[in-house]
Amino acid sequence: MPLSKELLEILACPVCDEHPPLREESENVLVCDQCHRRYPIREGIIELLVEDESEQPAQGAGG
């Protein structure tokens, strides 16, 4: 089930300094258009935790 518009309006990338909004890439993934980091949705729970800096996309990497 897609996320509600109201929820998407308040979700933001926790990594980027400007905290840009996230967009729904698919039913199970949110993505930040600024840093291209992807956040999975598992069993209805959005995983916004950032565990390791090595997971960060390379500079200039397209998504």
PDB file of N, CA and C in Angstrom:
ATOM      1  N   MET A   1       0.841  -1.170   0.000  1.00  0.00           N
ATOM      2  CA  MET A   1       0.000   0.000   0.000  1.00  0.00           C
ATOM      3  C   MET A   1       0.894   1.245   0.000  1.00  0.00           C
ATOM      4  N   PRO A   2       0.640   2.189  -0.896  1.00  0.00           N
ATOM      5  CA  PRO A   2       1.444   3.421  -0.929  1.00  0.00           C
ATOM      6  C   PRO A   2       1.283   4.226   0.358  1.00  0.00           C
ATOM      7  N   LEU A   3       2.318   4.991   0.678  1.00  0.00           N
ATOM      8  CA  LEU A   3       2.274   5.848   1.865  1.00  0.00           C
ATOM      9  C   LEU A   3       1.353   7.035   1.612  1.00  0.00           C
ATOM     10  N   SER A   4       0.770   7.546   2.671  1.00  0.00           N
ATOM     11  CA  SER A   4      -0.125   8.692   2.532  1.00  0.00           C
ATOM     12  C   SER A   4       0.671   9.946   2.173  1.00  0.00           C
ATOM     13  N   LYS A   5       0.008  10.855   1.489  1.00  0.00           N
ATOM     14  CA  LYS A   5       0.627  12.120   1.104  1.00  0.00           C
ATOM     15  C   LYS A   5       1.072  12.889   2.348  1.00  0.00           C
ATOM     16  N   GLU A   6       0.273  12.835   3.404  1.00  0.00           N
ATOM     17  CA  GLU A   6       0.592  13.545   4.639  1.00  0.00           C
ATOM     18  C   GLU A   6       1.880  13.018   5.270  1.00  0.00           C
ATOM     19  N   LEU A   7       2.066  11.702   5.254  1.00  0.00           N
ATOM     20  CA  LEU A   7       3.279  11.119   5.819  1.00  0.00           C
ATOM     21  C   LEU A   7       4.495  11.489   4.978  1.00  0.00           C
ATOM     22  N   LEU A   8       4.377  11.410   3.660  1.00  0.00           N
ATOM     23  CA  LEU A   8       5.497  11.763   2.791  1.00  0.00           C
ATOM     24  C   LEU A   8       5.903  13.227   2.952  1.00  0.00           C
ATOM     25  N   GLU A   9       4.955  14.088   3.303  1.00  0.00           N
ATOM     26  CA  GLU A   9       5.267  15.508   3.489  1.00  0.00           C
ATOM     27  C   GLU A   9       6.143  15.756   4.716  1.00  0.00           C
ATOM     28  N   ILE A  10       6.095  14.867   5.709  1.00  0.00           N
ATOM     29  CA  ILE A  10       6.890  15.094   6.923  1.00  0.00           C
ATOM     30  C   ILE A  10       8.159  14.250   6.988  1.00  0.00           C
ATOM     31  N   LEU A  11       8.273  13.224   6.151  1.00  0.00           N
ATOM     32  CA  LEU A  11       9.487  12.403   6.142  1.00  0.00           C
ATOM     33  C   LEU A  11      10.611  13.156   5.443  1.00  0.00           C
ATOM     34  N   ALA A  12      11.810  13.105   6.011  1.00  0.00           N
ATOM     35  CA  ALA A  12      12.955  13.793   5.432  1.00  0.00           C
ATOM     36  C   ALA A  12      14.199  12.936   5.599  1.00  0.00           C
ATOM     37  N   CYS A  13      15.167  13.157   4.729  1.00  0.00           N
ATOM     38  CA  CYS A  13      16.423  12.420   4.791  1.00  0.00           C
ATOM     39  C   CYS A  13      17.170  12.803   6.070  1.00  0.00           C
ATOM     40  N   PRO A  14      17.500  11.830   6.911  1.00  0.00           N
ATOM     41  CA  PRO A  14      18.207  12.135   8.155  1.00  0.00           C
ATOM     42  C   PRO A  14      19.698  12.403   7.957  1.00  0.00           C
ATOM     43  N   VAL A  15      20.221  12.141   6.769  1.00  0.00           N
ATOM     44  CA  VAL A  15      21.649  12.285   6.512  1.00  0.00           C
ATOM     45  C   VAL A  15      21.996  13.667   5.964  1.00  0.00           C
ATOM     46  N   CYS A  16      21.188  14.168   5.049  1.00  0.00           N
ATOM     47  CA  CYS A  16      21.473  15.453   4.407  1.00  0.00           C
ATOM     48  C   CYS A  16      21.237  16.610   5.371  1.00  0.00           C
ATOM     49  N   ASP A  17      22.115  17.597   5.337  1.00  0.00           N
ATOM     50  CA  ASP A  17      22.006  18.754   6.227  1.00  0.00           C
ATOM     51  C   ASP A  17      20.703  19.524   6.033  1.00  0.00           C
ATOM     52  N   GLU A  18      20.219  19.592   4.793  1.00  0.00           N
ATOM     53  CA  GLU A  18      18.997  20.346   4.497  1.00  0.00           C
ATOM     54  C   GLU A  18      17.739  19.540   4.794  1.00  0.00           C
ATOM     55  N   HIS A  19      17.888  18.253   5.105  1.00  0.00           N
ATOM     56  CA  HIS A  19      16.765  17.346   5.359  1.00  0.00           C
ATOM     57  C   HIS A  19      15.710  17.411   4.254  1.00  0.00           C
ATOM     58  N   PRO A  20      16.117  17.112   3.007  1.00  0.00           N
ATOM     59  CA  PRO A  20      15.149  17.147   1.908  1.00  0.00           C
ATOM     60  C   PRO A  20      14.096  16.058   2.076  1.00  0.00           C
ATOM     61  N   PRO A  21      12.929  16.275   1.480  1.00  0.00           N
ATOM     62  CA  PRO A  21      11.885  15.261   1.583  1.00  0.00           C
ATOM     63  C   PRO A  21      12.281  13.987   0.854  1.00  0.00           C
ATOM     64  N   LEU A  22      11.701  12.889   1.286  1.00  0.00           N
ATOM     65  CA  LEU A  22      11.910  11.609   0.621  1.00  0.00           C
ATOM     66  C   LEU A  22      10.760  11.375  -0.340  1.00  0.00           C
ATOM     67  N   ARG A  23      11.040  10.646  -1.402  1.00  0.00           N
ATOM     68  CA  ARG A  23       9.966  10.283  -2.324  1.00  0.00           C
ATOM     69  C   ARG A  23       9.865   8.771  -2.378  1.00  0.00           C
ATOM     70  N   GLU A  24       8.690   8.311  -2.710  1.00  0.00           N
ATOM     71  CA  GLU A  24       8.434   6.882  -2.778  1.00  0.00           C
ATOM     72  C   GLU A  24       8.892   6.381  -4.143  1.00  0.00           C
ATOM     73  N   GLU A  25       9.976   5.605  -4.146  1.00  0.00           N
ATOM     74  CA  GLU A  25      10.512   5.059  -5.392  1.00  0.00           C
ATOM     75  C   GLU A  25       9.698   3.847  -5.827  1.00  0.00           C
ATOM     76  N   SER A  26       9.327   3.043  -4.854  1.00  0.00           N
ATOM     77  CA  SER A  26       8.479   1.877  -5.091  1.00  0.00           C
ATOM     78  C   SER A  26       7.702   1.637  -3.805  1.00  0.00           C
ATOM     79  N   GLU A  27       6.903   0.604  -3.786  1.00  0.00           N
ATOM     80  CA  GLU A  27       6.093   0.325  -2.604  1.00  0.00           C
ATOM     81  C   GLU A  27       6.953   0.017  -1.382  1.00  0.00           C
ATOM     82  N   ASN A  28       8.196  -0.432  -1.600  1.00  0.00           N
ATOM     83  CA  ASN A  28       9.045  -0.851  -0.485  1.00  0.00           C
ATOM     84  C   ASN A  28      10.307  -0.019  -0.305  1.00  0.00           C
ATOM     85  N   VAL A  29      10.411   1.120  -0.993  1.00  0.00           N
ATOM     86  CA  VAL A  29      11.639   1.921  -0.916  1.00  0.00           C
ATOM     87  C   VAL A  29      11.317   3.415  -1.004  1.00  0.00           C
ATOM     88  N   LEU A  30      11.939   4.181  -0.083  1.00  0.00           N
ATOM     89  CA  LEU A  30      11.931   5.638  -0.170  1.00  0.00           C
ATOM     90  C   LEU A  30      13.333   6.063  -0.578  1.00  0.00           C
ATOM     91  N   VAL A  31      13.448   7.166  -1.300  1.00  0.00           N
ATOM     92  CA  VAL A  31      14.756   7.618  -1.765  1.00  0.00           C
ATOM     93  C   VAL A  31      14.883   9.128  -1.569  1.00  0.00           C
ATOM     94  N   CYS A  32      16.110   9.548  -1.275  1.00  0.00           N
ATOM     95  CA  CYS A  32      16.441  10.969  -1.188  1.00  0.00           C
ATOM     96  C   CYS A  32      17.027  11.380  -2.532  1.00  0.00           C
ATOM     97  N   ASP A  33      16.440  12.373  -3.179  1.00  0.00           N
ATOM     98  CA  ASP A  33      16.944  12.812  -4.481  1.00  0.00           C
ATOM     99  C   ASP A  33      18.249  13.588  -4.371  1.00  0.00           C
ATOM    100  N   GLN A  34      18.596  14.029  -3.176  1.00  0.00           N
ATOM    101  CA  GLN A  34      19.830  14.794  -3.002  1.00  0.00           C
ATOM    102  C   GLN A  34      21.049  13.878  -2.859  1.00  0.00           C
ATOM    103  N   CYS A  35      21.004  12.924  -1.943  1.00  0.00           N
ATOM    104  CA  CYS A  35      22.167  12.051  -1.713  1.00  0.00           C
ATOM    105  C   CYS A  35      21.988  10.666  -2.336  1.00  0.00           C
ATOM    106  N   HIS A  36      20.802  10.391  -2.858  1.00  0.00           N
ATOM    107  CA  HIS A  36      20.474   9.123  -3.521  1.00  0.00           C
ATOM    108  C   HIS A  36      20.460   7.932  -2.567  1.00  0.00           C
ATOM    109  N   ARG A  37      20.411   8.212  -1.275  1.00  0.00           N
ATOM    110  CA  ARG A  37      20.322   7.133  -0.296  1.00  0.00           C
ATOM    111  C   ARG A  37      18.917   6.553  -0.344  1.00  0.00           C
ATOM    112  N   ARG A  38      18.847   5.238  -0.227  1.00  0.00           N
ATOM    113  CA  ARG A  38      17.566   4.534  -0.274  1.00  0.00           C
ATOM    114  C   ARG A  38      17.239   3.988   1.107  1.00  0.00           C
ATOM    115  N   TYR A  39      15.972   4.109   1.481  1.00  0.00           N
ATOM    116  CA  TYR A  39      15.491   3.649   2.777  1.00  0.00           C
ATOM    117  C   TYR A  39      14.403   2.603   2.556  1.00  0.00           C
ATOM    118  N   PRO A  40      14.647   1.371   2.981  1.00  0.00           N
ATOM    119  CA  PRO A  40      13.660   0.304   2.764  1.00  0.00           C
ATOM    120  C   PRO A  40      12.463   0.429   3.700  1.00  0.00           C
ATOM    121  N   ILE A  41      11.364  -0.122   3.248  1.00  0.00           N
ATOM    122  CA  ILE A  41      10.165  -0.249   4.075  1.00  0.00           C
ATOM    123  C   ILE A  41       9.937  -1.744   4.228  1.00  0.00           C
ATOM    124  N   ARG A  42      10.086  -2.239   5.453  1.00  0.00           N
ATOM    125  CA  ARG A  42       9.943  -3.673   5.713  1.00  0.00           C
ATOM    126  C   ARG A  42       8.815  -3.897   6.699  1.00  0.00           C
ATOM    127  N   GLU A  43       7.868  -4.702   6.301  1.00  0.00           N
ATOM    128  CA  GLU A  43       6.708  -5.019   7.140  1.00  0.00           C
ATOM    129  C   GLU A  43       6.023  -3.748   7.630  1.00  0.00           C
ATOM    130  N   GLY A  44       5.944  -2.747   6.743  1.00  0.00           N
ATOM    131  CA  GLY A  44       5.263  -1.503   7.067  1.00  0.00           C
ATOM    132  C   GLY A  44       6.070  -0.525   7.892  1.00  0.00           C
ATOM    133  N   ILE A  45       7.342  -0.830   8.163  1.00  0.00           N
ATOM    134  CA  ILE A  45       8.199   0.037   8.977  1.00  0.00           C
ATOM    135  C   ILE A  45       9.274   0.661   8.089  1.00  0.00           C
ATOM    136  N   ILE A  46       9.346   1.996   8.108  1.00  0.00           N
ATOM    137  CA  ILE A  46      10.352   2.711   7.323  1.00  0.00           C
ATOM    138  C   ILE A  46      11.651   2.714   8.111  1.00  0.00           C
ATOM    139  N   GLU A  47      12.716   2.209   7.499  1.00  0.00           N
ATOM    140  CA  GLU A  47      14.013   2.111   8.174  1.00  0.00           C
ATOM    141  C   GLU A  47      14.876   3.314   7.794  1.00  0.00           C
ATOM    142  N   LEU A  48      14.890   4.320   8.667  1.00  0.00           N
ATOM    143  CA  LEU A  48      15.665   5.533   8.433  1.00  0.00           C
ATOM    144  C   LEU A  48      16.989   5.533   9.183  1.00  0.00           C
ATOM    145  N   LEU A  49      17.351   4.423   9.773  1.00  0.00           N
ATOM    146  CA  LEU A  49      18.611   4.331  10.505  1.00  0.00           C
ATOM    147  C   LEU A  49      19.784   4.278   9.538  1.00  0.00           C
ATOM    148  N   VAL A  50      20.841   4.991   9.880  1.00  0.00           N
ATOM    149  CA  VAL A  50      22.063   4.979   9.090  1.00  0.00           C
ATOM    150  C   VAL A  50      23.116   4.324   9.962  1.00  0.00           C
ATOM    151  N   GLU A  51      23.501   3.104   9.608  1.00  0.00           N
ATOM    152  CA  GLU A  51      24.404   2.334  10.451  1.00  0.00           C
ATOM    153  C   GLU A  51      25.870   2.530  10.118  1.00  0.00           C
ATOM    154  N   ASP A  52      26.178   2.712   8.831  1.00  0.00           N
ATOM    155  CA  ASP A  52      27.568   2.697   8.413  1.00  0.00           C
ATOM    156  C   ASP A  52      27.762   3.706   7.293  1.00  0.00           C
ATOM    157  N   GLU A  53      28.771   4.564   7.420  1.00  0.00           N
ATOM    158  CA  GLU A  53      29.048   5.549   6.383  1.00  0.00           C
ATOM    159  C   GLU A  53      29.457   4.898   5.068  1.00  0.00           C
ATOM    160  N   SER A  54      29.924   3.646   5.095  1.00  0.00           N
ATOM    161  CA  SER A  54      30.304   2.970   3.854  1.00  0.00           C
ATOM    162  C   SER A  54      29.087   2.678   2.989  1.00  0.00           C
ATOM    163  N   GLU A  55      27.881   2.769   3.559  1.00  0.00           N
ATOM    164  CA  GLU A  55      26.663   2.568   2.786  1.00  0.00           C
ATOM    165  C   GLU A  55      26.320   3.790   1.949  1.00  0.00           C
ATOM    166  N   GLN A  56      26.971   4.920   2.238  1.00  0.00           N
ATOM    167  CA  GLN A  56      26.672   6.158   1.541  1.00  0.00           C
ATOM    168  C   GLN A  56      27.109   6.044   0.088  1.00  0.00           C
ATOM    169  N   PRO A  57      26.261   6.470  -0.861  1.00  0.00           N
ATOM    170  CA  PRO A  57      26.637   6.417  -2.273  1.00  0.00           C
ATOM    171  C   PRO A  57      27.855   7.293  -2.544  1.00  0.00           C
ATOM    172  N   ALA A  58      28.623   6.920  -3.541  1.00  0.00           N
ATOM    173  CA  ALA A  58      29.804   7.685  -3.916  1.00  0.00           C
ATOM    174  C   ALA A  58      29.392   9.043  -4.457  1.00  0.00           C
ATOM    175  N   GLN A  59      30.263  10.041  -4.300  1.00  0.00           N
ATOM    176  CA  GLN A  59      29.987  11.371  -4.832  1.00  0.00           C
ATOM    177  C   GLN A  59      29.740  11.275  -6.329  1.00  0.00           C
ATOM    178  N   GLY A  60      28.691  11.919  -6.805  1.00  0.00           N
ATOM    179  CA  GLY A  60      28.387  11.932  -8.226  1.00  0.00           C
ATOM    180  C   GLY A  60      27.709  10.682  -8.728  1.00  0.00           C
ATOM    181  N   ALA A  61      27.428   9.734  -7.865  1.00  0.00           N
ATOM    182  CA  ALA A  61      26.772   8.502  -8.297  1.00  0.00           C
ATOM    183  C   ALA A  61      25.319   8.784  -8.602  1.00  0.00           C
ATOM    184  N   GLY A  62      24.861   8.296  -9.723  1.00  0.00           N
ATOM    185  CA  GLY A  62      23.455   8.447 -10.095  1.00  0.00           C
ATOM    186  C   GLY A  62      22.656   7.325  -9.520  1.00  0.00           C
ATOM    187  N   GLY A  63      21.333   7.549  -9.424  1.00  0.00           N
ATOM    188  CA  GLY A  63      20.605   6.567  -8.714  1.00  0.00           C
ATOM    189  C   GLY A  63      19.612   5.800  -9.394  1.00  0.00           C
TER     190      GLY A  63
END
